[in-house]
Protein backbone atom coordinates (compact mmCIF):
# COMPACT_ATOMS: atom_id res chain seq x y z
CA ILE A 1 106.44 86.08 168.19
CA LYS A 2 103.32 87.87 167.26
CA GLY A 3 105.44 90.72 166.31
CA CYS A 4 107.75 88.81 163.96
CA VAL A 5 104.76 87.21 162.46
CA SER A 6 103.16 90.61 161.73
CA LYS A 7 106.37 91.85 160.14
CA VAL A 8 106.59 88.76 157.95
CA CYS A 9 103.13 89.21 156.91
CA SER A 10 103.64 92.87 156.03
CA LEU A 11 106.69 91.95 154.03
CA ALA A 12 104.91 89.31 152.30
CA LEU A 13 102.11 91.69 151.38
CA SER A 14 104.72 94.41 150.20
CA LEU A 15 106.24 91.96 148.02
CA THR A 16 103.01 90.81 146.76
CA GLN A 17 102.10 94.38 145.76
CA LEU A 18 105.23 94.99 144.10
CA TRP A 19 104.80 91.86 141.99
CA CYS A 20 101.29 93.00 141.01
CA ILE A 21 102.56 96.53 139.90
CA LYS A 22 102.56 96.43 136.12
CA PRO A 23 105.57 98.28 134.36
CA ILE A 24 104.63 101.53 132.85
CA SER A 25 105.39 101.18 129.08
CA LYS A 26 105.42 104.10 126.64
CA HIS A 27 102.57 104.51 124.34
CA LYS A 28 103.37 103.31 120.88
CA MET A 29 102.21 105.73 118.18
CA CYS A 30 100.38 103.84 115.36
CA ASN A 31 98.98 104.81 111.98
CA ARG A 32 95.50 105.53 111.79
CA ALA A 33 92.53 105.19 109.38
CA LEU A 34 89.20 106.86 109.39
CA ILE A 35 86.25 105.43 107.41
CA VAL A 36 83.31 107.61 106.86
CA SER A 37 80.43 105.84 105.16
CA VAL A 38 76.96 107.22 104.33
CA THR A 39 74.59 104.47 103.45
CA GLY A 40 71.07 105.78 104.52
CA PHE A 41 69.93 109.40 103.97
CA TYR A 42 67.22 111.64 105.50
CA PRO A 43 63.86 111.40 103.66
CA GLU A 44 64.22 115.15 102.67
CA ALA A 45 67.61 114.60 101.07
CA GLY A 46 66.07 112.75 98.10
CA LEU A 47 69.04 110.39 97.87
CA GLU A 48 68.75 106.55 97.61
CA LYS A 49 69.97 104.19 100.18
CA ARG A 50 73.44 102.62 99.18
CA ASN A 51 73.00 99.00 99.77
CA GLY A 52 76.22 97.27 99.64
CA ALA A 53 78.42 100.01 101.25
CA TYR A 54 78.60 98.09 104.61
CA ARG A 55 80.44 95.41 102.96
CA ASP A 56 83.26 97.87 101.77
CA VAL A 57 83.52 99.10 105.44
CA ARG A 58 83.80 95.63 106.82
CA ARG A 59 86.41 94.49 104.33
CA LEU A 60 88.44 97.78 104.67
CA HIS A 61 88.53 97.40 108.39
CA ARG A 62 89.79 93.78 108.44
CA VAL A 63 92.42 94.60 105.78
CA LEU A 64 93.78 97.80 107.30
CA SER A 65 93.69 96.25 110.82
CA LYS A 66 96.05 93.47 109.56
CA LEU A 67 98.34 96.12 108.21
CA GLY A 68 98.69 97.65 111.64
CA PHE A 69 96.41 100.58 111.47
CA SER A 70 94.02 101.94 114.19
CA VAL A 71 90.82 101.84 112.24
CA LYS A 72 87.83 104.29 113.22
CA ILE A 73 84.41 103.88 111.40
CA LEU A 74 81.65 106.63 111.31
CA ASN A 75 78.29 105.78 109.78
CA ASP A 76 75.80 108.14 108.43
CA LEU A 77 77.18 111.48 109.61
CA GLU A 78 75.68 114.67 108.66
CA ALA A 79 77.83 117.00 106.49
CA ASP A 80 78.97 119.28 109.47
CA GLU A 81 79.79 116.17 111.35
CA ILE A 82 81.94 114.85 108.39
CA TYR A 83 83.88 118.01 108.43
CA GLU A 84 84.43 117.86 112.21
CA ALA A 85 85.53 114.17 111.93
CA PHE A 86 88.30 114.94 109.45
CA LYS A 87 89.43 118.01 111.26
CA THR A 88 89.78 116.13 114.48
CA GLU A 89 91.78 113.39 112.91
CA SER A 90 94.09 115.92 111.07
CA GLU A 91 95.10 117.24 114.53
CA LYS A 92 96.33 113.93 115.80
CA ALA A 93 99.64 112.51 115.69
CA VAL A 94 100.43 109.25 113.52
CA ASP A 95 103.37 107.14 113.30
CA SER A 96 104.19 107.53 109.58
CA CYS A 97 100.78 107.61 107.66
CA PHE A 98 96.95 108.33 107.75
CA VAL A 99 94.23 106.85 105.47
CA GLY A 100 91.06 108.46 105.07
CA VAL A 101 88.00 106.86 103.27
CA ILE A 102 84.77 108.49 102.17
CA SER A 103 81.89 106.56 100.82
CA SER A 104 78.67 108.31 99.74
CA HIS A 105 76.77 109.89 96.90
CA GLY A 106 78.61 112.52 95.41
CA GLU A 107 79.20 115.00 92.48
CA GLU A 108 82.29 116.51 91.11
CA GLY A 109 84.22 118.16 94.06
CA VAL A 110 81.65 117.00 96.69
CA ILE A 111 80.08 114.34 98.60
CA PHE A 112 76.78 114.24 100.64
CA GLY A 113 76.17 113.89 104.22
CA ALA A 114 73.25 111.91 105.49
CA ASP A 115 71.30 115.14 105.64
CA GLY A 116 71.75 115.77 102.00
CA HIS A 117 74.13 118.82 102.48
CA PRO A 118 77.43 118.86 100.40
CA VAL A 119 80.80 118.27 101.76
CA ARG A 120 83.81 119.91 99.76
CA LEU A 121 86.52 117.39 99.38
CA GLY A 122 89.10 120.14 98.93
CA HIS A 123 88.15 121.56 102.28
CA LEU A 124 88.77 118.05 103.97
CA TYR A 125 92.16 117.58 102.28
CA SER A 126 93.24 121.17 103.42
CA TYR A 127 92.92 120.16 106.99
CA PHE A 128 95.94 117.74 106.44
CA GLY A 129 98.36 120.52 105.50
CA GLY A 130 98.94 121.53 109.21
CA LEU A 131 102.07 120.84 111.40
CA GLU A 132 100.76 117.69 112.88
CA MET A 133 100.72 116.05 109.50
CA ALA A 134 103.81 117.48 108.03
CA GLY A 135 105.99 114.83 106.70
CA LYS A 136 103.32 112.11 107.12
CA LYS A 137 101.91 110.30 104.22
CA LYS A 138 98.18 110.76 103.55
CA MET A 139 95.94 108.69 101.43
CA PHE A 140 92.36 109.54 100.56
CA LEU A 141 89.94 107.01 99.00
CA ILE A 142 86.85 108.45 97.50
CA GLN A 143 84.11 106.06 96.61
CA ALA A 144 81.45 108.37 95.13
CA CYS A 145 80.06 109.60 91.76
CA ARG A 146 81.54 112.74 90.39
CA GLY A 147 78.92 113.22 87.83
CA ASN A 148 76.21 111.33 85.84
CA GLU A 149 77.99 110.18 82.85
CA LEU A 150 78.54 106.46 82.25
CA ASP A 151 81.73 105.17 80.90
CA ASP A 152 81.40 103.22 77.59
CA GLY A 153 85.18 102.40 77.65
CA VAL A 154 85.94 104.74 74.81
CA LYS A 155 87.55 108.19 74.62
CA ILE A 156 85.01 111.02 74.50
CA GLU A 157 85.38 115.02 74.49
CA SER A 158 84.91 116.81 77.66
CA ASP A 159 83.24 120.21 77.89
CA GLY A 160 86.00 121.28 80.19
CA LEU A 161 83.88 122.48 83.16
CA SER A 162 84.61 119.49 85.31
CA GLU A 163 88.28 119.89 84.56
CA VAL A 164 88.35 123.27 86.07
CA SER A 165 86.70 122.00 88.98
CA SER A 166 89.10 119.16 89.38
CA VAL A 167 92.05 121.52 89.09
CA SER A 168 90.77 123.65 91.76
CA GLU A 169 90.39 120.53 94.25
CA CYS A 170 93.80 119.29 93.49
CA LEU A 171 95.12 122.42 94.56
CA SER A 172 93.92 121.67 98.09
CA VAL A 173 95.64 118.32 98.24
CA PRO A 174 98.63 118.76 100.75
CA LEU A 175 102.20 117.52 100.18
CA ASP A 176 102.98 113.90 100.70
CA SER A 177 99.41 113.01 99.85
CA VAL A 178 97.59 110.74 97.21
CA VAL A 179 93.92 110.92 96.39
CA VAL A 180 92.13 108.04 94.89
CA TYR A 181 88.88 108.32 93.07
CA ALA A 182 86.71 105.65 92.13
CA THR A 183 85.99 107.30 88.80
CA PRO A 184 87.19 110.37 86.57
CA PRO A 185 85.46 113.81 86.81
CA GLY A 186 82.03 113.72 85.40
CA TYR A 187 81.41 110.02 85.67
CA SER A 188 79.25 107.75 87.91
CA ALA A 189 80.81 105.05 90.37
CA PHE A 190 79.34 101.59 90.48
CA MET A 191 77.97 100.09 93.78
CA ASN A 192 75.91 97.00 94.24
CA LEU A 193 74.88 94.68 96.99
CA ALA A 194 78.27 92.89 97.10
CA GLY A 195 80.14 96.37 97.51
CA SER A 196 81.81 98.76 95.13
CA VAL A 197 84.03 97.50 92.47
CA PHE A 198 86.56 100.12 93.53
CA ILE A 199 86.87 99.28 97.22
CA GLN A 200 86.42 95.44 96.79
CA THR A 201 89.34 95.56 94.36
CA PHE A 202 91.61 97.63 96.34
CA CYS A 203 91.06 95.41 99.34
CA GLU A 204 91.88 92.35 97.16
CA LEU A 205 94.99 93.64 96.08
CA LEU A 206 96.25 94.38 99.52
CA GLU A 207 95.19 90.82 100.56
CA ASP A 208 97.23 89.55 97.80
CA GLY A 209 100.45 91.39 98.79
CA GLY A 210 99.80 94.53 97.13
CA ALA A 211 100.84 96.36 100.55
CA GLU A 212 104.41 95.45 99.80
CA LEU A 213 104.24 97.59 96.65
CA GLU A 214 105.04 101.32 96.62
CA VAL A 215 101.65 103.03 96.48
CA THR A 216 101.73 104.51 92.99
CA ARG A 217 102.51 100.82 91.59
CA LEU A 218 99.63 99.70 93.76
CA LEU A 219 97.17 102.16 92.29
CA THR A 220 98.40 101.62 88.71
CA ARG A 221 97.67 97.91 89.24
CA LEU A 222 94.12 98.91 90.76
CA ASN A 223 93.51 100.80 87.75
CA HIS A 224 94.49 98.11 85.24
CA HIS A 225 92.50 95.63 87.05
CA ILE A 226 89.20 97.40 87.13
CA ALA A 227 89.62 98.93 83.56
CA HIS A 228 90.28 95.35 82.16
CA HIS A 229 88.12 92.89 84.41
CA PHE A 230 85.15 94.85 85.34
CA GLN A 231 82.09 95.47 83.06
CA ALA A 232 78.58 96.31 84.46
CA ARG A 233 75.70 93.90 83.92
CA GLY A 234 71.99 94.38 83.46
CA GLN A 235 69.73 95.82 80.80
CA THR A 236 70.32 99.47 81.61
CA LEU A 237 73.99 99.42 82.68
CA GLY A 238 75.26 96.27 80.77
CA GLY A 239 78.65 96.92 79.15
CA LYS A 240 79.43 100.14 81.17
CA LYS A 241 83.05 100.37 82.47
CA GLU A 242 84.65 102.02 85.62
CA MET A 243 88.09 103.65 85.64
CA PRO A 244 89.64 104.87 88.73
CA CYS A 245 92.00 107.68 88.88
CA PHE A 246 94.51 109.28 91.44
CA VAL A 247 96.28 112.48 92.06
CA SER A 248 99.61 112.27 93.73
CA ARG A 249 101.55 114.99 95.61
CA LEU A 250 104.07 112.45 97.09
CA THR A 251 107.64 113.45 97.47
CA THR A 252 109.01 110.13 98.70
CA ASP A 253 108.10 106.45 98.29
CA PHE A 254 104.91 105.39 100.16
CA PHE A 255 104.22 101.95 101.49
CA LEU A 256 101.08 100.84 103.43
CA SER A 257 103.10 97.78 104.82
CA THR A 258 105.29 98.62 107.76
CA ASP A 259 107.89 96.12 106.91
CA SER A 260 108.23 97.50 103.37
CA ARG A 261 108.43 100.95 104.64
CA LYS A 262 111.50 100.15 106.75
CA LYS A 263 113.18 98.07 104.07
CA GLN A 264 112.49 100.02 100.75
CA GLU A 265 111.82 103.64 101.55
CA PHE A 266 113.84 105.61 99.04
CA ASN A 267 116.34 108.08 100.33
CA PHE A 268 116.37 111.02 98.13
CA THR A 269 119.42 112.67 100.12
CA ASP A 270 121.52 109.77 98.42
CA ILE A 271 120.97 111.30 95.05
CA SER A 272 124.09 113.41 94.03
CA GLU A 273 123.87 116.68 92.49
CA PRO A 274 123.62 116.72 88.51
CA ARG A 275 126.93 117.68 86.98
CA LYS A 276 127.06 120.95 85.36
CA LEU A 277 127.24 120.92 81.62
CA LEU A 278 130.10 122.48 80.06
CA GLY A 279 129.91 125.30 77.34
CA SER A 280 126.80 127.61 76.66
CA LEU A 281 123.97 127.65 74.34
């Protein structure tokens, strides 16, 4: 009897162990976002603290997470650490797209780490031209000044120097990427205690269904909204404007919403070859 009881107990234990074993599921690859925000700077850098930047980070995290992105936030990195963070992200696989956000003080072509050392944006973009990111969509959002000019909302002549720098930077943007700047070359970007008008408006559009739009349409709405609805206040900056701009090297439609990507992604292979014209010139 004791032997039978022992066997029954042993069988019951085995069944319990089997019941407790969780099925092994394949790791589901997801889209990723990296947010690098520099709010405070070392005293020797001579750069002011960016109060309000944390509000941008918090809202971006909430909005992108709802869209299914795995969001990583890094604060107050030195220049070398910013390079390393983006290089590391460029070597990781994603499902279909990657979003990189940089918020800091800046000048044309560069942003600054917490140590005050410059980080060349073109260098960061170039990391994402490798095999791991080939065919994947990339979006970069740059909340930083690109100069010291203030936008009065009227067209002015440029000396061409910032344009040359911008062209060089654009050549570093890999295929299937779009880079969105808070402001054109040579101009300042606004930040206050409530956050930046650029990032806050971008998040507002996504929350209002903008993720269902193809990205270039979404960014056009972003430009329109800020250009027509934003105006700085105060004695010094009162009446000044801001106008985002973007550079696109996309070769297919790009949606931030997973559902929209599945339903609406444009298939260029369906386009027939153009018919040859008869005759000659």
